[in-house]
């Protein structure tokens, strides 16, 4: 189970990085890399990947997963916005120029809907795929995931 969660963390961290990098690059019309790490992973997306399998362990309804996932991630994003502003006195993101933004641009309806869709994709497809791969490949899966994690850590240190 640990290697499945580690794989979930890496995959969702990368998907989050790709989503934010692509979205921000399109909005600004030039490449904008998102994140604080040297490797292409946003840990906050990976952390959600560690929590979601336990929250939705028995839930199968995609509409319920999407709506509650959107609400949960949006509440977390709002709290994180206020917290980062309080600690670093800086806004790390703003949806102020987006339609349907709230709390002075700290959250937006569009991003909330995207987060809800991401929750459904993760719960219904990514996590079950990682579980299947673990069952199918056993120790080889463990070794591959651990090697990927070590490689990412080494790259983070070197870069």
N, C-alpha and C. Protein backbone atom coordinates (compact mmCIF):
# COMPACT_ATOMS: atom_id res chain seq x y z
N UNK A 1 0.82 -1.20 0.00
CA UNK A 1 0.00 0.00 0.00
C UNK A 1 0.86 1.26 0.00
N UNK A 2 2.00 1.23 0.68
CA UNK A 2 2.87 2.41 0.75
C UNK A 2 3.38 2.79 -0.63
N UNK A 3 3.79 1.81 -1.43
CA UNK A 3 4.31 2.15 -2.75
C UNK A 3 3.19 2.65 -3.67
N UNK A 4 1.97 2.18 -3.47
CA UNK A 4 0.84 2.69 -4.25
C UNK A 4 0.63 4.16 -3.92
N UNK A 5 0.67 4.49 -2.63
CA UNK A 5 0.50 5.89 -2.22
C UNK A 5 1.66 6.76 -2.72
N UNK A 6 2.87 6.21 -2.69
CA UNK A 6 4.03 6.95 -3.21
C UNK A 6 3.87 7.20 -4.71
N UNK A 7 3.41 6.19 -5.44
CA UNK A 7 3.16 6.36 -6.88
C UNK A 7 2.06 7.40 -7.10
N UNK A 8 1.00 7.34 -6.29
CA UNK A 8 -0.08 8.34 -6.38
C UNK A 8 0.48 9.74 -6.17
N UNK A 9 1.33 9.88 -5.16
CA UNK A 9 1.93 11.19 -4.84
C UNK A 9 2.72 11.72 -6.03
N UNK A 10 3.58 10.90 -6.59
CA UNK A 10 4.43 11.32 -7.71
C UNK A 10 3.57 11.68 -8.92
N UNK A 11 2.65 10.81 -9.28
CA UNK A 11 1.82 11.04 -10.47
C UNK A 11 0.96 12.29 -10.31
N UNK A 12 0.28 12.41 -9.18
CA UNK A 12 -0.60 13.57 -8.99
C UNK A 12 0.19 14.85 -8.80
N UNK A 13 1.36 14.76 -8.17
CA UNK A 13 2.22 15.94 -8.06
C UNK A 13 2.65 16.43 -9.44
N UNK A 14 2.95 15.48 -10.33
CA UNK A 14 3.33 15.85 -11.70
C UNK A 14 2.13 16.41 -12.46
N UNK A 15 0.98 15.76 -12.34
CA UNK A 15 -0.22 16.25 -13.04
C UNK A 15 -0.56 17.67 -12.57
N UNK A 16 -0.45 17.92 -11.28
CA UNK A 16 -0.70 19.27 -10.76
C UNK A 16 0.28 20.28 -11.32
N UNK A 17 1.56 19.89 -11.39
CA UNK A 17 2.58 20.77 -11.97
C UNK A 17 2.26 21.05 -13.44
N UNK A 18 1.92 20.01 -14.21
CA UNK A 18 1.61 20.18 -15.63
C UNK A 18 0.38 21.06 -15.81
N UNK A 19 -0.67 20.80 -15.04
CA UNK A 19 -1.90 21.60 -15.12
C UNK A 19 -1.59 23.08 -14.86
N UNK A 20 -0.91 23.37 -13.76
CA UNK A 20 -0.66 24.77 -13.42
C UNK A 20 0.33 25.43 -14.37
N UNK A 21 1.34 24.68 -14.81
CA UNK A 21 2.31 25.25 -15.75
C UNK A 21 1.66 25.55 -17.09
N UNK A 22 0.86 24.63 -17.61
CA UNK A 22 0.18 24.85 -18.89
C UNK A 22 -0.83 25.99 -18.77
N UNK A 23 -1.65 25.96 -17.75
CA UNK A 23 -2.66 27.00 -17.57
C UNK A 23 -2.03 28.38 -17.44
N UNK A 24 -1.02 28.50 -16.58
CA UNK A 24 -0.37 29.79 -16.37
C UNK A 24 0.35 30.25 -17.63
N UNK A 25 0.97 29.33 -18.35
CA UNK A 25 1.66 29.69 -19.59
C UNK A 25 0.68 30.19 -20.64
N UNK A 26 -0.48 29.57 -20.74
CA UNK A 26 -1.50 30.02 -21.69
C UNK A 26 -2.02 31.40 -21.29
N UNK A 27 -2.29 31.59 -20.01
CA UNK A 27 -2.82 32.87 -19.53
C UNK A 27 -1.84 34.01 -19.80
N UNK A 28 -0.54 33.78 -19.55
CA UNK A 28 0.47 34.83 -19.71
C UNK A 28 1.10 34.86 -21.09
N UNK A 29 0.80 33.87 -21.93
CA UNK A 29 1.32 33.87 -23.29
C UNK A 29 2.79 33.53 -23.40
N UNK A 30 3.37 32.99 -22.36
CA UNK A 30 4.77 32.55 -22.37
C UNK A 30 4.93 31.45 -21.33
N UNK A 31 6.00 30.68 -21.47
CA UNK A 31 6.21 29.57 -20.54
C UNK A 31 6.43 30.10 -19.12
N UNK A 32 5.64 29.59 -18.20
CA UNK A 32 5.77 29.94 -16.78
C UNK A 32 5.78 28.63 -16.01
N UNK A 33 6.92 28.30 -15.43
CA UNK A 33 7.00 27.07 -14.65
C UNK A 33 6.47 27.33 -13.25
N UNK A 34 5.60 26.45 -12.80
CA UNK A 34 4.99 26.58 -11.48
C UNK A 34 5.71 25.69 -10.47
N UNK A 35 5.63 26.08 -9.24
CA UNK A 35 6.15 25.25 -8.17
C UNK A 35 7.41 25.80 -7.54
N UNK A 36 7.75 25.19 -6.42
CA UNK A 36 8.91 25.63 -5.66
C UNK A 36 10.06 24.62 -5.72
N UNK A 37 9.80 23.47 -6.32
CA UNK A 37 10.84 22.45 -6.43
C UNK A 37 11.53 22.53 -7.78
N UNK A 38 12.72 21.95 -7.85
CA UNK A 38 13.44 21.89 -9.13
C UNK A 38 12.85 20.81 -10.02
N UNK A 39 12.25 19.80 -9.44
CA UNK A 39 11.63 18.72 -10.21
C UNK A 39 10.18 19.09 -10.51
N UNK A 40 9.63 18.54 -11.59
CA UNK A 40 8.26 18.93 -11.99
C UNK A 40 7.17 18.25 -11.14
N UNK A 41 7.09 18.66 -9.90
CA UNK A 41 6.08 18.13 -8.98
C UNK A 41 5.60 19.26 -8.09
N UNK A 42 4.30 19.36 -7.93
CA UNK A 42 3.71 20.26 -6.94
C UNK A 42 3.24 19.39 -5.78
N UNK A 43 3.93 19.44 -4.66
CA UNK A 43 3.62 18.54 -3.54
C UNK A 43 2.18 18.63 -3.03
N UNK A 44 1.54 19.78 -3.15
CA UNK A 44 0.18 19.89 -2.63
C UNK A 44 -0.77 18.94 -3.35
N UNK A 45 -0.58 18.76 -4.64
CA UNK A 45 -1.41 17.81 -5.39
C UNK A 45 -1.09 16.39 -4.95
N UNK A 46 0.17 16.11 -4.69
CA UNK A 46 0.57 14.80 -4.19
C UNK A 46 -0.01 14.52 -2.82
N UNK A 47 -0.06 15.53 -1.96
CA UNK A 47 -0.63 15.34 -0.63
C UNK A 47 -2.11 14.99 -0.71
N UNK A 48 -2.83 15.65 -1.60
CA UNK A 48 -4.24 15.30 -1.78
C UNK A 48 -4.37 13.85 -2.25
N UNK A 49 -3.42 13.39 -3.06
CA UNK A 49 -3.46 12.01 -3.52
C UNK A 49 -3.28 11.02 -2.37
N UNK A 50 -2.65 11.46 -1.29
CA UNK A 50 -2.50 10.59 -0.13
C UNK A 50 -3.77 10.51 0.70
N UNK A 51 -4.57 11.55 0.65
CA UNK A 51 -5.77 11.65 1.48
C UNK A 51 -7.02 11.09 0.78
N UNK A 52 -7.15 11.36 -0.51
CA UNK A 52 -8.37 11.00 -1.23
C UNK A 52 -8.74 9.52 -1.19
N UNK A 53 -7.78 8.59 -1.30
CA UNK A 53 -8.19 7.17 -1.25
C UNK A 53 -8.89 6.80 0.05
N UNK A 54 -8.55 7.47 1.13
CA UNK A 54 -9.16 7.16 2.42
C UNK A 54 -10.52 7.85 2.57
N UNK A 55 -10.63 9.06 2.02
CA UNK A 55 -11.90 9.79 2.09
C UNK A 55 -12.96 9.09 1.25
N UNK A 56 -12.58 8.66 0.06
CA UNK A 56 -13.54 8.07 -0.88
C UNK A 56 -13.38 6.56 -1.00
N UNK A 57 -12.94 5.92 0.06
CA UNK A 57 -12.67 4.48 0.02
C UNK A 57 -13.86 3.67 -0.49
N UNK A 58 -15.06 4.01 -0.06
CA UNK A 58 -16.24 3.23 -0.45
C UNK A 58 -17.16 3.99 -1.40
N UNK A 59 -16.83 5.22 -1.71
CA UNK A 59 -17.70 6.04 -2.56
C UNK A 59 -17.40 5.78 -4.03
N UNK A 60 -18.45 5.54 -4.80
CA UNK A 60 -18.28 5.25 -6.23
C UNK A 60 -18.97 6.27 -7.13
N UNK A 61 -19.81 7.13 -6.57
CA UNK A 61 -20.57 8.07 -7.38
C UNK A 61 -19.68 9.23 -7.84
N UNK A 62 -19.40 9.33 -9.15
CA UNK A 62 -18.51 10.37 -9.64
C UNK A 62 -19.03 11.79 -9.37
N UNK A 63 -20.35 11.98 -9.42
CA UNK A 63 -20.90 13.30 -9.15
C UNK A 63 -20.63 13.71 -7.70
N UNK A 64 -20.84 12.79 -6.78
CA UNK A 64 -20.57 13.07 -5.37
C UNK A 64 -19.09 13.35 -5.15
N UNK A 65 -18.24 12.52 -5.74
CA UNK A 65 -16.79 12.70 -5.61
C UNK A 65 -16.37 14.06 -6.18
N UNK A 66 -16.89 14.39 -7.35
CA UNK A 66 -16.53 15.66 -7.99
C UNK A 66 -16.99 16.87 -7.20
N UNK A 67 -18.24 16.84 -6.74
CA UNK A 67 -18.76 18.00 -6.00
C UNK A 67 -18.08 18.16 -4.65
N UNK A 68 -17.98 17.08 -3.89
CA UNK A 68 -17.34 17.19 -2.58
C UNK A 68 -15.84 17.44 -2.72
N UNK A 69 -15.23 16.87 -3.76
CA UNK A 69 -13.82 17.14 -4.03
C UNK A 69 -13.59 18.60 -4.38
N UNK A 70 -14.48 19.18 -5.18
CA UNK A 70 -14.37 20.59 -5.55
C UNK A 70 -14.50 21.48 -4.31
N UNK A 71 -15.47 21.17 -3.48
CA UNK A 71 -15.68 21.98 -2.27
C UNK A 71 -14.49 21.83 -1.32
N UNK A 72 -14.07 20.61 -1.09
CA UNK A 72 -12.95 20.37 -0.17
C UNK A 72 -11.66 21.03 -0.62
N UNK A 73 -11.31 20.88 -1.89
CA UNK A 73 -10.07 21.48 -2.38
C UNK A 73 -10.16 23.00 -2.40
N UNK A 74 -11.34 23.53 -2.66
CA UNK A 74 -11.51 24.99 -2.68
C UNK A 74 -11.37 25.57 -1.27
N UNK A 75 -11.96 24.91 -0.29
CA UNK A 75 -11.81 25.36 1.09
C UNK A 75 -10.33 25.31 1.48
N UNK A 76 -9.65 24.24 1.10
CA UNK A 76 -8.23 24.12 1.39
C UNK A 76 -7.43 25.21 0.68
N UNK A 77 -7.76 25.48 -0.58
CA UNK A 77 -7.05 26.52 -1.33
C UNK A 77 -7.24 27.89 -0.69
N UNK A 78 -8.45 28.18 -0.25
CA UNK A 78 -8.72 29.46 0.42
C UNK A 78 -7.91 29.58 1.71
N UNK A 79 -7.92 28.52 2.52
CA UNK A 79 -7.14 28.53 3.76
C UNK A 79 -5.65 28.67 3.47
N UNK A 80 -5.17 27.95 2.45
CA UNK A 80 -3.75 28.02 2.08
C UNK A 80 -3.38 29.42 1.60
N UNK A 81 -4.27 30.06 0.88
CA UNK A 81 -4.01 31.43 0.40
C UNK A 81 -3.82 32.38 1.58
N UNK A 82 -4.74 32.34 2.53
CA UNK A 82 -4.62 33.21 3.70
C UNK A 82 -3.38 32.87 4.53
N UNK A 83 -3.10 31.59 4.66
CA UNK A 83 -1.94 31.17 5.45
C UNK A 83 -0.63 31.62 4.81
N UNK A 84 -0.48 31.40 3.51
CA UNK A 84 0.76 31.80 2.84
C UNK A 84 0.92 33.32 2.86
N UNK A 85 -0.18 34.04 2.73
CA UNK A 85 -0.10 35.50 2.80
C UNK A 85 0.30 35.96 4.19
N UNK A 86 -0.20 35.29 5.21
CA UNK A 86 0.13 35.66 6.58
C UNK A 86 1.60 35.34 6.91
N UNK A 87 2.09 34.23 6.40
CA UNK A 87 3.46 33.81 6.72
C UNK A 87 4.49 34.56 5.88
N UNK A 88 4.29 34.59 4.56
CA UNK A 88 5.29 35.17 3.66
C UNK A 88 4.94 36.57 3.16
N UNK A 89 3.78 37.07 3.54
CA UNK A 89 3.34 38.40 3.11
C UNK A 89 3.39 38.55 1.59
N UNK A 90 2.99 37.48 0.92
CA UNK A 90 3.02 37.45 -0.54
C UNK A 90 1.88 36.56 -1.03
N UNK A 91 1.28 36.96 -2.14
CA UNK A 91 0.26 36.12 -2.77
C UNK A 91 0.93 35.24 -3.80
N UNK A 92 0.80 33.94 -3.60
CA UNK A 92 1.43 33.00 -4.53
C UNK A 92 0.57 32.75 -5.76
N UNK A 93 -0.72 33.06 -5.70
CA UNK A 93 -1.62 32.94 -6.85
C UNK A 93 -2.76 33.91 -6.68
N UNK A 94 -3.37 34.23 -7.81
CA UNK A 94 -4.53 35.12 -7.78
C UNK A 94 -5.40 34.84 -9.00
N UNK A 95 -6.68 34.75 -8.73
CA UNK A 95 -7.66 34.59 -9.80
C UNK A 95 -8.42 35.91 -10.01
N UNK A 96 -7.85 37.00 -9.58
CA UNK A 96 -8.54 38.29 -9.59
C UNK A 96 -9.03 38.68 -10.99
N UNK A 97 -8.32 38.28 -12.03
CA UNK A 97 -8.71 38.63 -13.40
C UNK A 97 -9.69 37.63 -14.00
N UNK A 98 -10.03 36.59 -13.29
CA UNK A 98 -10.92 35.56 -13.79
C UNK A 98 -12.36 35.90 -13.44
N UNK A 99 -13.26 35.48 -14.30
CA UNK A 99 -14.68 35.59 -13.96
C UNK A 99 -14.98 34.62 -12.82
N UNK A 100 -15.97 34.96 -12.05
CA UNK A 100 -16.42 34.11 -10.94
C UNK A 100 -15.30 33.81 -9.94
N UNK A 101 -14.52 34.85 -9.61
CA UNK A 101 -13.54 34.68 -8.54
C UNK A 101 -14.15 35.21 -7.25
N UNK A 102 -13.67 34.70 -6.15
CA UNK A 102 -14.23 35.07 -4.85
C UNK A 102 -13.10 35.33 -3.85
N UNK A 103 -13.44 35.99 -2.76
CA UNK A 103 -12.47 36.31 -1.71
C UNK A 103 -11.26 37.03 -2.30
N UNK A 104 -11.56 38.08 -3.04
CA UNK A 104 -10.53 38.94 -3.64
C UNK A 104 -9.57 38.13 -4.52
N UNK A 105 -10.11 37.19 -5.28
CA UNK A 105 -9.31 36.43 -6.24
C UNK A 105 -8.54 35.25 -5.66
N UNK A 106 -8.82 34.90 -4.43
CA UNK A 106 -8.10 33.77 -3.83
C UNK A 106 -8.61 32.42 -4.34
N UNK A 107 -9.87 32.36 -4.72
CA UNK A 107 -10.45 31.14 -5.27
C UNK A 107 -11.30 31.51 -6.48
N UNK A 108 -11.59 30.53 -7.32
CA UNK A 108 -12.46 30.79 -8.47
C UNK A 108 -13.31 29.57 -8.76
N UNK A 109 -14.45 29.81 -9.35
CA UNK A 109 -15.35 28.71 -9.70
C UNK A 109 -14.68 27.78 -10.71
N UNK A 110 -14.00 28.35 -11.71
CA UNK A 110 -13.36 27.54 -12.74
C UNK A 110 -12.34 26.58 -12.14
N UNK A 111 -11.44 27.10 -11.29
CA UNK A 111 -10.43 26.22 -10.71
C UNK A 111 -11.08 25.18 -9.80
N UNK A 112 -12.14 25.56 -9.10
CA UNK A 112 -12.85 24.60 -8.23
C UNK A 112 -13.41 23.45 -9.05
N UNK A 113 -13.98 23.77 -10.21
CA UNK A 113 -14.52 22.71 -11.08
C UNK A 113 -13.42 21.80 -11.60
N UNK A 114 -12.29 22.39 -11.97
CA UNK A 114 -11.14 21.60 -12.43
C UNK A 114 -10.67 20.67 -11.31
N UNK A 115 -10.57 21.20 -10.09
CA UNK A 115 -10.15 20.37 -8.96
C UNK A 115 -11.12 19.22 -8.73
N UNK A 116 -12.42 19.48 -8.87
CA UNK A 116 -13.42 18.42 -8.73
C UNK A 116 -13.23 17.33 -9.77
N UNK A 117 -12.99 17.73 -11.01
CA UNK A 117 -12.74 16.75 -12.09
C UNK A 117 -11.47 15.96 -11.78
N UNK A 118 -10.43 16.64 -11.30
CA UNK A 118 -9.20 15.95 -10.96
C UNK A 118 -9.43 14.91 -9.86
N UNK A 119 -10.26 15.24 -8.89
CA UNK A 119 -10.58 14.28 -7.82
C UNK A 119 -11.24 13.03 -8.40
N UNK A 120 -12.18 13.22 -9.32
CA UNK A 120 -12.86 12.08 -9.94
C UNK A 120 -11.86 11.24 -10.73
N UNK A 121 -11.03 11.88 -11.53
CA UNK A 121 -10.04 11.15 -12.33
C UNK A 121 -9.11 10.36 -11.43
N UNK A 122 -8.70 10.96 -10.34
CA UNK A 122 -7.79 10.27 -9.43
C UNK A 122 -8.48 9.07 -8.76
N UNK A 123 -9.64 9.31 -8.17
CA UNK A 123 -10.34 8.27 -7.40
C UNK A 123 -10.81 7.13 -8.30
N UNK A 124 -11.29 7.46 -9.50
CA UNK A 124 -11.88 6.44 -10.37
C UNK A 124 -10.86 5.74 -11.28
N UNK A 125 -9.74 6.41 -11.61
CA UNK A 125 -8.82 5.82 -12.59
C UNK A 125 -7.37 5.72 -12.12
N UNK A 126 -6.80 6.80 -11.64
CA UNK A 126 -5.36 6.76 -11.32
C UNK A 126 -5.07 5.83 -10.15
N UNK A 127 -5.75 6.03 -9.02
CA UNK A 127 -5.48 5.17 -7.85
C UNK A 127 -5.80 3.70 -8.14
N UNK A 128 -6.94 3.40 -8.75
CA UNK A 128 -7.18 1.97 -9.08
C UNK A 128 -6.13 1.40 -10.04
N UNK A 129 -5.64 2.20 -10.96
CA UNK A 129 -4.59 1.72 -11.86
C UNK A 129 -3.32 1.40 -11.08
N UNK A 130 -2.95 2.24 -10.13
CA UNK A 130 -1.76 1.98 -9.31
C UNK A 130 -1.96 0.72 -8.47
N UNK A 131 -3.17 0.52 -7.95
CA UNK A 131 -3.45 -0.71 -7.19
C UNK A 131 -3.35 -1.94 -8.10
N UNK A 132 -3.87 -1.84 -9.30
CA UNK A 132 -3.80 -2.94 -10.24
C UNK A 132 -2.34 -3.25 -10.58
N UNK A 133 -1.56 -2.19 -10.84
CA UNK A 133 -0.15 -2.39 -11.18
C UNK A 133 0.61 -3.05 -10.03
N UNK A 134 0.30 -2.64 -8.81
CA UNK A 134 0.93 -3.26 -7.64
C UNK A 134 0.57 -4.75 -7.58
N UNK A 135 -0.71 -5.07 -7.79
CA UNK A 135 -1.14 -6.46 -7.78
C UNK A 135 -0.54 -7.27 -8.92
N UNK A 136 -0.42 -6.67 -10.06
CA UNK A 136 0.08 -7.35 -11.26
C UNK A 136 1.59 -7.56 -11.23
N UNK A 137 2.33 -6.53 -10.79
CA UNK A 137 3.79 -6.57 -10.88
C UNK A 137 4.49 -6.75 -9.54
N UNK A 138 3.76 -6.63 -8.45
CA UNK A 138 4.32 -6.90 -7.12
C UNK A 138 5.60 -6.15 -6.82
N UNK A 139 6.64 -6.92 -6.55
CA UNK A 139 7.91 -6.33 -6.15
C UNK A 139 8.53 -5.45 -7.24
N UNK A 140 8.31 -5.79 -8.48
CA UNK A 140 8.85 -4.96 -9.58
C UNK A 140 8.22 -3.57 -9.54
N UNK A 141 6.94 -3.50 -9.20
CA UNK A 141 6.26 -2.21 -9.04
C UNK A 141 6.91 -1.43 -7.90
N UNK A 142 7.12 -2.10 -6.76
CA UNK A 142 7.74 -1.45 -5.60
C UNK A 142 9.10 -0.87 -5.97
N UNK A 143 9.90 -1.67 -6.66
CA UNK A 143 11.26 -1.23 -7.03
C UNK A 143 11.19 -0.04 -7.98
N UNK A 144 10.31 -0.10 -8.97
CA UNK A 144 10.19 1.00 -9.94
C UNK A 144 9.74 2.29 -9.26
N UNK A 145 8.76 2.21 -8.39
CA UNK A 145 8.26 3.41 -7.70
C UNK A 145 9.33 3.98 -6.78
N UNK A 146 9.99 3.13 -6.03
CA UNK A 146 11.05 3.59 -5.13
C UNK A 146 12.22 4.19 -5.91
N UNK A 147 12.56 3.59 -7.04
CA UNK A 147 13.62 4.14 -7.88
C UNK A 147 13.23 5.52 -8.41
N UNK A 148 11.97 5.67 -8.83
CA UNK A 148 11.49 6.98 -9.30
C UNK A 148 11.56 8.01 -8.18
N UNK A 149 11.19 7.62 -6.97
CA UNK A 149 11.23 8.54 -5.83
C UNK A 149 12.67 8.95 -5.52
N UNK A 150 13.57 7.98 -5.51
CA UNK A 150 14.99 8.29 -5.24
C UNK A 150 15.54 9.20 -6.33
N UNK A 151 15.23 8.91 -7.57
CA UNK A 151 15.68 9.75 -8.68
C UNK A 151 15.18 11.18 -8.51
N UNK A 152 13.92 11.35 -8.17
CA UNK A 152 13.38 12.70 -7.97
C UNK A 152 14.06 13.42 -6.82
N UNK A 153 14.34 12.70 -5.75
CA UNK A 153 15.04 13.32 -4.61
C UNK A 153 16.45 13.73 -5.01
N UNK A 154 17.16 12.87 -5.71
CA UNK A 154 18.52 13.19 -6.16
C UNK A 154 18.50 14.39 -7.10
N UNK A 155 17.58 14.40 -8.04
CA UNK A 155 17.46 15.54 -8.95
C UNK A 155 17.17 16.83 -8.20
N UNK A 156 16.30 16.74 -7.21
CA UNK A 156 15.98 17.92 -6.41
C UNK A 156 17.22 18.46 -5.70
N UNK A 157 18.05 17.56 -5.20
CA UNK A 157 19.27 17.97 -4.49
C UNK A 157 20.28 18.55 -5.48
N UNK A 158 20.46 17.89 -6.61
CA UNK A 158 21.47 18.31 -7.59
C UNK A 158 21.07 19.60 -8.31
N UNK A 159 19.80 19.70 -8.66
CA UNK A 159 19.36 20.88 -9.40
C UNK A 159 19.15 22.01 -8.43
